[in-house]
Amino acid sequence: MHETSTTPDNLPKPRRRPWLIVSGCIVVAVVVLLMLVVLPVVVFRQMAFRDDPRPDDSRMTPQWSERDPATNPLILFCHAIPQTPARKQSLLPKEVKNLEAVTMARAKEFLAEQSATLAAFDQLRQTDSTTWLWPDGKAIVDPNYSVGYLGDCQGAMQVVLLKAKVLAREGKWDEAMRLSLDIARVGLGMQHAESAPIPLLVGISFQTLGENQYLALATSDGVTRAQLLHALQELSAMEGPRREDLKFSLQTDYQFFLHCLELVHQGKGSTGTTGIPPRAPKFLLKRHRTMNMRLKQDLPIIEGLDQGWREGFAAAVRAEEAYDEITANKGSISFFLDSNFVGKTIYILTASTPVTLTQGMMNNVVSREQRKVLLALRLHELDHGHLPPSLEALVPAYLPAVPEDIYTGKPMLWNARDKVVYSTGGNGIDDGGKIDKEQPRKGLDFGMAYPWKTTPPTSPPHE
C-alpha cells in the first residue's frame, strides 16, 4: 500500500480555511495599524511644512523716487538741524516752550541762540515742497533703521513756533500769522514726501501745530477784519492731506513687515527688532500664509482709499476687527500649536494700526475745514453783529459751499446754541455737537468751539 501524503496541499479544505482567515486578519490588522501610525505623521508633515502659494502683492510695492542727499531741500534740512542748538525736542529748555512762563527778554535771548535753526527753516520754506523727500527712502523698511531726525525736526518746529508767539506779543500780527502758516505748509510738504506712517504723522502734527497757532492768532483782539479775511483765503488755498500719501505709507509699512519676515526666515531676527527669537523653528513659519494674512488687512484699505476717505476708513475698521480677533487668541493653546505660530506672531508684532492712521488723517482734513468755517463765522458776526443759525448763511459771501463732513459725506454741522462746529467723527452718529474741547478725539462728536468771546458791534470794525 502507498502512504497517503499529509502536505498542506493535500489536506482537506476545511482544515486549511481557518489558517487563511487568521492570516488575512493579521495582514488587515497590520495595514490598519500602519495607517493609524503613518497617516497622521504624513498629514502632520503636510500641515506642518506645507505653505500657500506666494500671493500677488504687487499693489503693495511703493514707487520710490530717486533722491540726491546733496540737493534735496528736506534732506538738507534734516541734516542741518542736528548741527543747530535745537537738536532734539527733549533737549530744549522747558521754560521757553511756554512763552507765558518767561519774560520777553528771555524768549528773545533764546531765539538769538537759535538763529541757525531759524535760518534752516527759512531756507526750507522757500523751496518747492513738491520736490521734498525724506533722507531714508527704502532704508526705512529696515527694522534697525533709525529715524532720529524726526526728533530734531520737532525741536526745530518748537523754536519756530516760539518765534511766531514772540512776534504776536510784539504786535506784529502779519509776520506772526505768516510764520504760523509757514509751519503748516512745511508740515504739509513733509506729508507729501515719500515715507512710512510715522514721518507722515509727524508732518500732520506740524501742519496742525501751524494752523492751530494761526487760528489762535486770529482770535486776538488786535487782528482786523482784513487780516481775518486774508487768513480765510490763505487756508482755503492750502491743500490738505492726500489719500495718496496714506496709501504710500501703508505700502511702506507692508515692506517693513516683509523685511521682518525675511529676517526671521534667515535666522537673523532679534527680539529687539521683531520680538521673535533668531532661532525660531522654520517649520512654524509659513511666509506666504503670513503674507496673505497681512494682505487681507492692507489691500482692502488701499482699494477703499482709491474710492474715497469713507471707503478707506470702513476697510480699516474691518481690518482692525480681524486683527483684534487674532490677537484675542494669542494666549491660547491653539495659538501656540498653530503650524504658523511664528508667522502669526510676526503679523501681530508688525501690524500697523490702520484705524488710528486713517482716522488721524481724516480728523486733520475735518479740522482744516472747521477752521475755515470758524473764520467765516467770525466774518459774518463782524458784518452782521450775530452768528448765523445755520452754516448755509455763510454761502456764498464767505464760503463757496458748506464744507463736507468726510465721515458721512454730508455738510459740516453747526450747533448755534453751543457755538460748536462739528463732524460726527468715526462712528457717523450726530450727537448734537458734544465735543471734548481739551481732547477732541475723545468727544462723542469731533469739532471745535467758536473761539471768539466778545460780540462785535453791528457795523464792521476799523481795519
Protein backbone atom coordinates (compact mmCIF):
# COMPACT_ATOMS: atom_id res chain seq x y z
CA MET A 1 0.00 0.00 0.00
CA HIS A 2 1.10 3.54 -0.68
CA GLU A 3 1.23 6.01 2.19
CA THR A 4 -1.13 8.94 1.98
CA SER A 5 0.62 12.40 1.65
CA THR A 6 -0.03 14.83 4.54
CA THR A 7 1.34 18.00 2.93
CA PRO A 8 -0.78 21.18 3.25
CA ASP A 9 -1.80 20.92 -0.37
CA ASN A 10 -3.32 17.53 0.23
CA LEU A 11 -5.11 18.47 3.44
CA PRO A 12 -8.84 18.68 3.28
CA LYS A 13 -10.13 22.19 2.57
CA PRO A 14 -11.95 22.53 5.87
CA ARG A 15 -8.61 22.19 7.68
CA ARG A 16 -6.92 24.89 5.56
CA ARG A 17 -9.63 27.63 5.76
CA PRO A 18 -9.06 28.81 9.40
CA TRP A 19 -5.39 29.44 8.73
CA LEU A 20 -6.21 31.56 5.70
CA ILE A 21 -8.75 33.58 7.67
CA VAL A 22 -6.34 34.15 10.54
CA SER A 23 -3.54 35.17 8.15
CA GLY A 24 -5.82 37.61 6.36
CA CYS A 25 -6.94 39.16 9.62
CA ILE A 26 -3.35 39.62 10.71
CA VAL A 27 -2.48 41.32 7.42
CA VAL A 28 -5.50 43.62 7.67
CA ALA A 29 -4.67 44.47 11.29
CA VAL A 30 -1.08 45.29 10.39
CA VAL A 31 -2.21 47.51 7.49
CA VAL A 32 -4.73 49.34 9.68
CA LEU A 33 -2.13 49.78 12.41
CA LEU A 34 0.35 51.20 9.92
CA MET A 35 -2.30 53.57 8.60
CA LEU A 36 -3.10 54.74 12.10
CA VAL A 37 0.57 55.39 12.78
CA VAL A 38 1.86 56.57 9.41
CA LEU A 39 -1.11 58.54 8.06
CA PRO A 40 -1.22 61.09 10.92
CA VAL A 41 2.52 61.54 10.55
CA VAL A 42 2.14 62.19 6.83
CA VAL A 43 -0.82 64.51 7.39
CA PHE A 44 1.01 66.35 10.18
CA ARG A 45 4.07 66.71 7.99
CA GLN A 46 1.96 68.15 5.20
CA MET A 47 0.26 70.55 7.59
CA ALA A 48 3.45 71.49 9.39
CA PHE A 49 5.67 72.11 6.37
CA ARG A 50 3.29 72.98 3.55
CA ASP A 51 2.92 76.67 2.71
CA ASP A 52 0.46 78.52 0.50
CA PRO A 53 1.45 79.74 -2.98
CA ARG A 54 3.05 83.18 -2.96
CA PRO A 55 0.31 85.80 -3.17
CA ASP A 56 0.31 88.71 -5.58
CA ASP A 57 1.38 91.70 -3.51
CA SER A 58 2.42 93.95 -6.39
CA ARG A 59 -0.12 96.56 -5.26
CA MET A 60 1.81 96.91 -2.01
CA THR A 61 5.09 97.94 -3.66
CA PRO A 62 5.75 101.69 -3.29
CA GLN A 63 7.34 103.55 -6.18
CA TRP A 64 10.31 105.34 -4.64
CA SER A 65 11.77 108.44 -6.29
CA GLU A 66 15.48 108.92 -6.75
CA ARG A 67 16.91 111.22 -4.10
CA ASP A 68 20.08 113.28 -4.07
CA PRO A 69 21.17 113.97 -0.48
CA ALA A 70 23.32 116.84 -1.70
CA THR A 71 20.48 118.84 -3.25
CA ASN A 72 17.09 117.78 -1.87
CA PRO A 73 15.81 120.59 0.41
CA LEU A 74 14.15 118.37 3.04
CA ILE A 75 17.17 116.06 3.28
CA LEU A 76 19.46 119.07 3.69
CA PHE A 77 17.15 120.43 6.41
CA CYS A 78 17.18 117.11 8.30
CA HIS A 79 20.97 117.05 8.11
CA ALA A 80 21.31 120.70 9.17
CA ILE A 81 19.08 120.67 12.26
CA PRO A 82 21.27 118.28 14.33
CA GLN A 83 24.08 120.80 13.91
CA THR A 84 21.96 123.60 15.42
CA PRO A 85 21.25 124.32 19.09
CA ALA A 86 17.69 122.98 18.62
CA ARG A 87 18.76 119.35 18.36
CA LYS A 88 16.09 117.08 19.79
CA GLN A 89 12.85 118.46 21.19
CA SER A 90 13.57 116.89 24.57
CA LEU A 91 16.75 118.95 24.90
CA LEU A 92 15.00 122.31 24.54
CA PRO A 93 14.81 124.32 27.77
CA LYS A 94 11.38 123.64 29.26
CA GLU A 95 10.80 127.22 30.29
CA VAL A 96 10.90 128.55 26.73
CA LYS A 97 8.29 126.13 25.38
CA ASN A 98 5.62 128.20 27.10
CA LEU A 99 6.05 131.87 26.29
CA GLU A 100 3.67 132.90 29.06
CA ALA A 101 6.05 131.41 31.64
CA VAL A 102 9.05 133.53 30.66
CA THR A 103 9.85 137.17 30.06
CA MET A 104 10.13 138.55 26.55
CA ALA A 105 13.80 139.24 27.23
CA ARG A 106 14.45 135.57 27.99
CA ALA A 107 12.47 134.43 24.95
CA LYS A 108 14.39 136.78 22.65
CA GLU A 109 17.67 135.65 24.18
CA PHE A 110 16.77 132.04 23.46
CA LEU A 111 15.74 132.83 19.87
CA ALA A 112 19.03 134.64 19.31
CA GLU A 113 20.78 131.42 20.29
CA GLN A 114 18.62 129.57 17.76
CA SER A 115 19.48 131.75 14.75
CA ALA A 116 20.88 128.75 12.85
CA THR A 117 17.66 126.80 13.43
CA LEU A 118 15.51 129.68 12.19
CA ALA A 119 17.77 130.14 9.17
CA ALA A 120 17.48 126.44 8.26
CA PHE A 121 13.69 126.63 8.49
CA ASP A 122 13.59 129.83 6.44
CA GLN A 123 15.70 128.21 3.74
CA LEU A 124 13.45 125.14 3.63
CA ARG A 125 10.17 127.07 3.39
CA GLN A 126 11.40 128.97 0.33
CA THR A 127 11.94 125.77 -1.70
CA ASP A 128 9.48 123.82 -3.81
CA SER A 129 7.82 121.36 -1.41
CA THR A 130 6.77 119.08 -4.28
CA THR A 131 10.43 118.07 -4.61
CA TRP A 132 10.92 117.20 -0.94
CA LEU A 133 11.99 113.71 0.08
CA TRP A 134 12.90 112.29 3.47
CA PRO A 135 16.52 111.15 3.94
CA ASP A 136 15.81 107.45 4.33
CA GLY A 137 13.98 106.26 1.23
CA LYS A 138 13.85 102.46 1.06
CA ALA A 139 16.13 102.16 4.09
CA ILE A 140 13.21 102.95 6.39
CA VAL A 141 11.80 99.43 5.91
CA ASP A 142 14.80 98.01 7.83
CA PRO A 143 13.79 97.35 11.47
CA ASN A 144 17.23 98.51 12.59
CA TYR A 145 16.98 101.87 10.79
CA SER A 146 16.81 104.96 12.99
CA VAL A 147 14.65 107.99 12.21
CA GLY A 148 16.22 110.20 14.85
CA TYR A 149 15.98 113.19 12.53
CA LEU A 150 12.24 113.35 13.30
CA GLY A 151 13.01 114.38 16.88
CA ASP A 152 15.35 117.05 15.54
CA CYS A 153 12.58 118.38 13.27
CA GLN A 154 10.18 118.54 16.21
CA GLY A 155 12.69 120.60 18.16
CA ALA A 156 13.08 122.97 15.23
CA MET A 157 9.32 123.47 14.91
CA GLN A 158 9.05 124.38 18.59
CA VAL A 159 11.67 127.07 18.04
CA VAL A 160 9.80 128.48 15.03
CA LEU A 161 6.51 128.38 16.94
CA LEU A 162 8.09 130.36 19.77
CA LYS A 163 9.26 132.91 17.21
CA ALA A 164 5.68 133.32 15.96
CA LYS A 165 4.42 133.84 19.52
CA VAL A 166 7.08 136.48 20.19
CA LEU A 167 6.12 138.33 17.01
CA ALA A 168 2.48 138.31 18.09
CA ARG A 169 3.42 139.57 21.56
CA GLU A 170 5.19 142.47 19.85
CA GLY A 171 2.04 143.27 17.88
CA LYS A 172 3.50 142.11 14.55
CA TRP A 173 0.36 140.19 13.59
CA ASP A 174 1.05 139.83 9.88
CA GLU A 175 4.52 138.39 10.46
CA ALA A 176 3.31 136.10 13.23
CA MET A 177 0.44 134.74 11.15
CA ARG A 178 2.65 134.31 8.11
CA LEU A 179 5.21 132.34 10.12
CA SER A 180 2.47 130.15 11.65
CA LEU A 181 1.16 129.41 8.19
CA ASP A 182 4.69 128.57 7.06
CA ILE A 183 4.86 125.92 9.80
CA ALA A 184 1.62 124.43 8.45
CA ARG A 185 2.91 124.49 4.87
CA VAL A 186 6.15 122.79 5.85
CA GLY A 187 4.13 120.10 7.63
CA LEU A 188 2.02 119.65 4.51
CA GLY A 189 5.13 119.31 2.36
CA MET A 190 6.51 116.69 4.74
CA GLN A 191 3.31 114.68 4.37
CA HIS A 192 3.73 114.64 0.60
CA ALA A 193 7.33 113.41 0.89
CA GLU A 194 7.56 109.63 0.45
CA SER A 195 7.83 107.73 3.70
CA ALA A 196 6.31 105.44 6.32
CA PRO A 197 3.42 106.09 8.76
CA ILE A 198 5.50 107.75 11.49
CA PRO A 199 7.03 110.53 9.32
CA LEU A 200 3.59 111.02 7.79
CA LEU A 201 2.06 111.55 11.22
CA VAL A 202 4.88 113.94 12.12
CA GLY A 203 4.06 116.01 9.04
CA ILE A 204 0.39 116.04 10.04
CA SER A 205 1.30 117.20 13.55
CA PHE A 206 3.35 120.10 12.15
CA GLN A 207 0.51 121.18 9.87
CA THR A 208 -1.91 121.03 12.80
CA LEU A 209 0.55 122.93 15.01
CA GLY A 210 0.86 125.76 12.49
CA GLU A 211 -2.86 126.01 11.70
CA ASN A 212 -3.85 125.95 15.37
CA GLN A 213 -1.44 128.79 16.08
CA TYR A 214 -2.75 130.58 13.00
CA LEU A 215 -6.31 130.37 14.32
CA ALA A 216 -5.22 131.32 17.84
CA LEU A 217 -3.62 134.49 16.49
CA ALA A 218 -6.79 135.23 14.52
CA THR A 219 -8.77 135.33 17.77
CA SER A 220 -6.57 138.06 19.23
CA ASP A 221 -8.06 141.50 19.82
CA GLY A 222 -5.51 143.24 17.63
CA VAL A 223 -6.46 141.34 14.46
CA THR A 224 -8.52 143.29 11.93
CA ARG A 225 -11.30 142.10 9.62
CA ALA A 226 -8.96 142.39 6.64
CA GLN A 227 -6.48 140.08 8.35
CA LEU A 228 -9.24 137.58 9.15
CA LEU A 229 -10.38 137.61 5.54
CA HIS A 230 -6.80 137.11 4.39
CA ALA A 231 -6.43 134.23 6.87
CA LEU A 232 -9.54 132.54 5.43
CA GLN A 233 -8.26 132.99 1.89
CA GLU A 234 -4.84 131.57 2.77
CA LEU A 235 -6.29 128.50 4.49
CA SER A 236 -8.70 127.92 1.61
CA ALA A 237 -5.82 127.98 -0.85
CA MET A 238 -3.82 125.37 1.06
CA GLU A 239 -4.06 121.73 0.12
CA GLY A 240 -4.95 119.22 2.81
CA PRO A 241 -3.83 115.65 3.49
CA ARG A 242 -3.99 113.36 0.47
CA ARG A 243 -5.16 109.77 0.26
CA GLU A 244 -2.17 109.05 -1.98
CA ASP A 245 0.22 109.85 0.88
CA LEU A 246 -1.64 107.49 3.20
CA LYS A 247 -1.55 104.71 0.60
CA PHE A 248 2.18 105.18 0.11
CA SER A 249 2.81 104.96 3.85
CA LEU A 250 0.74 101.76 4.09
CA GLN A 251 2.76 100.26 1.24
CA THR A 252 5.98 101.20 3.00
CA ASP A 253 4.74 99.66 6.23
CA TYR A 254 3.96 96.44 4.35
CA GLN A 255 7.55 96.38 3.05
CA PHE A 256 8.73 96.73 6.65
CA PHE A 257 6.63 93.67 7.52
CA LEU A 258 8.17 91.72 4.61
CA HIS A 259 11.65 92.68 5.77
CA CYS A 260 10.96 91.37 9.28
CA LEU A 261 9.51 88.19 7.81
CA GLU A 262 12.64 87.60 5.74
CA LEU A 263 14.97 88.30 8.67
CA VAL A 264 13.26 85.64 10.77
CA HIS A 265 13.27 83.17 7.87
CA GLN A 266 17.03 83.66 7.54
CA GLY A 267 17.54 83.28 11.28
CA LYS A 268 18.65 86.90 11.57
CA GLY A 269 15.76 88.20 13.61
CA SER A 270 16.22 89.54 17.08
CA THR A 271 13.95 90.28 19.99
CA GLY A 272 14.93 93.93 19.67
CA THR A 273 13.51 94.33 16.17
CA THR A 274 10.79 91.75 15.68
CA GLY A 275 10.26 90.25 19.11
CA ILE A 276 10.97 86.82 17.61
CA PRO A 277 13.94 84.72 18.79
CA PRO A 278 16.50 84.46 15.97
CA ARG A 279 16.39 80.66 16.10
CA ALA A 280 12.63 80.25 15.82
CA PRO A 281 11.74 76.87 14.21
CA LYS A 282 11.36 77.41 10.48
CA PHE A 283 8.60 74.83 10.14
CA LEU A 284 6.44 77.09 12.32
CA LEU A 285 6.84 79.96 9.83
CA LYS A 286 4.73 79.96 6.67
CA ARG A 287 5.85 83.07 4.86
CA HIS A 288 3.22 83.07 2.13
CA ARG A 289 0.41 82.28 4.55
CA THR A 290 1.58 85.14 6.75
CA MET A 291 1.73 87.46 3.75
CA ASN A 292 -1.86 86.52 2.95
CA MET A 293 -2.89 87.46 6.49
CA ARG A 294 -1.35 90.90 6.11
CA LEU A 295 -2.70 91.43 2.59
CA LYS A 296 -6.22 90.69 3.79
CA GLN A 297 -5.74 93.65 6.11
CA ASP A 298 -3.95 96.12 3.85
CA LEU A 299 -5.28 95.56 0.32
CA PRO A 300 -8.93 96.42 1.10
CA ILE A 301 -7.76 99.67 2.71
CA ILE A 302 -5.74 100.61 -0.37
CA GLU A 303 -8.66 99.73 -2.64
CA GLY A 304 -11.05 101.64 -0.38
CA LEU A 305 -8.84 104.72 -0.44
CA ASP A 306 -8.89 104.54 -4.24
CA GLN A 307 -12.60 105.37 -3.95
CA GLY A 308 -12.59 107.84 -1.05
CA TRP A 309 -11.87 108.53 2.60
CA ARG A 310 -15.03 106.85 3.90
CA GLU A 311 -14.41 103.66 1.98
CA GLY A 312 -10.80 103.52 3.18
CA PHE A 313 -11.85 104.13 6.77
CA ALA A 314 -14.52 101.42 6.65
CA ALA A 315 -11.94 98.94 5.35
CA ALA A 316 -9.52 99.99 8.09
CA VAL A 317 -12.17 99.35 10.75
CA ARG A 318 -12.82 95.86 9.36
CA ALA A 319 -9.07 95.16 9.23
CA GLU A 320 -8.62 96.18 12.84
CA GLU A 321 -11.52 93.98 13.92
CA ALA A 322 -9.89 90.99 12.19
CA TYR A 323 -6.58 91.84 13.84
CA ASP A 324 -8.23 92.07 17.27
CA GLU A 325 -9.83 88.67 16.71
CA ILE A 326 -6.43 87.09 16.07
CA THR A 327 -4.71 88.82 18.98
CA ALA A 328 -7.53 87.82 21.33
CA ASN A 329 -6.41 84.19 20.98
CA LYS A 330 -2.67 84.75 21.21
CA GLY A 331 -2.50 83.31 24.74
CA SER A 332 -4.48 80.17 23.92
CA ILE A 333 -3.05 76.67 23.44
CA SER A 334 -4.39 76.54 19.88
CA PHE A 335 -2.38 79.65 19.02
CA PHE A 336 0.87 78.06 20.21
CA LEU A 337 0.06 74.78 18.43
CA ASP A 338 -0.66 76.54 15.15
CA SER A 339 1.61 75.37 12.33
CA ASN A 340 2.19 79.06 11.52
CA PHE A 341 2.79 80.16 15.09
CA VAL A 342 5.89 82.21 14.23
CA GLY A 343 4.19 83.80 11.22
CA LYS A 344 1.16 84.82 13.27
CA THR A 345 3.43 86.30 15.91
CA ILE A 346 5.29 88.38 13.30
CA TYR A 347 1.95 89.52 11.90
CA ILE A 348 0.82 90.69 15.35
CA LEU A 349 4.10 92.43 16.20
CA THR A 350 4.50 94.28 12.90
CA ALA A 351 0.86 95.09 12.11
CA SER A 352 0.16 98.80 11.84
CA THR A 353 -2.88 100.47 13.37
CA PRO A 354 -4.82 101.35 10.21
CA VAL A 355 -7.77 102.91 12.04
CA THR A 356 -5.53 105.24 14.07
CA LEU A 357 -3.58 106.28 10.99
CA THR A 358 -6.57 106.70 8.69
CA GLN A 359 -8.69 108.46 11.29
CA GLY A 360 -5.77 110.72 12.20
CA MET A 361 -5.55 111.94 8.62
CA MET A 362 -9.32 112.25 8.29
CA ASN A 363 -9.53 114.25 11.50
CA ASN A 364 -6.90 116.58 10.08
CA VAL A 365 -8.97 117.04 6.92
CA VAL A 366 -12.05 117.77 9.03
CA SER A 367 -10.18 120.16 11.34
CA ARG A 368 -8.90 122.20 8.39
CA GLU A 369 -12.45 122.63 7.11
CA GLN A 370 -13.67 123.57 10.58
CA ARG A 371 -11.01 126.26 10.96
CA LYS A 372 -12.21 127.81 7.71
CA VAL A 373 -15.81 127.68 8.92
CA LEU A 374 -14.85 129.38 12.20
CA LEU A 375 -13.13 132.22 10.34
CA ALA A 376 -16.16 132.58 8.07
CA LEU A 377 -18.45 132.65 11.11
CA ARG A 378 -16.37 135.42 12.66
CA LEU A 379 -16.53 137.46 9.47
CA HIS A 380 -20.31 137.01 9.43
CA GLU A 381 -20.50 138.12 13.06
CA LEU A 382 -18.36 141.18 12.34
CA ASP A 383 -20.55 142.14 9.40
CA HIS A 384 -23.98 141.39 10.89
CA GLY A 385 -23.49 141.59 14.65
CA HIS A 386 -24.56 137.99 15.29
CA LEU A 387 -23.76 134.41 14.38
CA PRO A 388 -25.96 132.68 11.80
CA PRO A 389 -28.43 129.93 12.77
CA SER A 390 -27.05 127.64 10.07
CA LEU A 391 -23.88 127.31 8.02
CA GLU A 392 -25.84 127.79 4.79
CA ALA A 393 -25.96 131.50 5.67
CA LEU A 394 -22.20 131.66 5.03
CA VAL A 395 -22.68 130.74 1.36
CA PRO A 396 -21.69 132.35 -0.95
CA ALA A 397 -20.50 135.51 0.81
CA TYR A 398 -17.83 133.79 2.91
CA LEU A 399 -17.61 130.20 1.67
CA PRO A 400 -18.31 128.74 -1.80
CA ALA A 401 -20.18 125.87 -0.13
CA VAL A 402 -20.64 124.33 3.30
CA PRO A 403 -17.62 122.03 3.74
CA GLU A 404 -18.26 118.30 3.67
CA ASP A 405 -18.01 116.07 6.71
CA ILE A 406 -15.93 113.32 5.10
CA TYR A 407 -17.12 110.79 7.69
CA THR A 408 -20.70 110.99 6.38
CA GLY A 409 -20.48 112.72 3.02
CA LYS A 410 -22.95 115.33 4.30
CA PRO A 411 -22.37 119.04 5.09
CA MET A 412 -20.46 120.00 8.23
CA LEU A 413 -22.67 120.56 11.28
CA TRP A 414 -23.21 123.66 13.44
CA ASN A 415 -24.71 123.86 16.93
CA ALA A 416 -25.68 127.54 17.07
CA ARG A 417 -26.71 127.40 20.72
CA ASP A 418 -23.41 126.00 22.00
CA LYS A 419 -21.39 127.63 19.20
CA VAL A 420 -19.74 124.41 18.04
CA VAL A 421 -18.73 123.42 14.51
CA TYR A 422 -18.54 119.66 14.38
CA SER A 423 -18.34 116.39 12.48
CA THR A 424 -19.92 113.13 13.58
CA GLY A 425 -16.48 111.54 13.81
CA GLY A 426 -15.67 107.92 13.13
CA ASN A 427 -18.95 106.45 14.40
CA GLY A 428 -21.02 108.51 11.95
CA ILE A 429 -23.55 109.42 14.66
CA ASP A 430 -24.69 113.02 15.20
CA ASP A 431 -24.60 113.62 18.96
CA GLY A 432 -25.53 117.28 18.68
CA GLY A 433 -22.03 118.71 18.92
CA LYS A 434 -20.93 117.06 22.16
CA ILE A 435 -17.20 117.62 21.82
CA ASP A 436 -14.25 117.41 24.18
CA LYS A 437 -12.57 120.82 23.91
CA GLU A 438 -9.36 119.65 25.57
CA GLN A 439 -9.09 116.28 23.78
CA PRO A 440 -11.19 116.49 20.59
CA ARG A 441 -10.61 112.83 19.67
CA LYS A 442 -12.38 111.70 22.85
CA GLY A 443 -15.61 113.61 22.30
CA LEU A 444 -18.82 111.99 21.11
CA ASP A 445 -18.52 114.31 18.12
CA PHE A 446 -15.35 115.75 16.60
CA GLY A 447 -15.36 119.51 16.42
CA MET A 448 -14.23 122.95 17.55
CA ALA A 449 -15.87 125.56 19.73
CA TYR A 450 -16.22 129.11 18.45
CA PRO A 451 -13.12 130.76 19.98
CA TRP A 452 -14.12 134.46 19.96
CA LYS A 453 -15.52 135.56 23.30
CA THR A 454 -16.70 139.09 22.61
CA THR A 455 -19.62 140.09 20.42
CA PRO A 456 -18.58 142.76 17.91
CA PRO A 457 -20.57 145.89 17.12
CA THR A 458 -23.12 145.64 14.35
CA SER A 459 -21.01 147.67 11.97
CA PRO A 460 -17.66 146.21 10.89
CA PRO A 461 -14.70 147.40 13.00
CA HIS A 462 -12.00 149.56 11.52
CA GLU A 463 -9.33 147.79 9.54
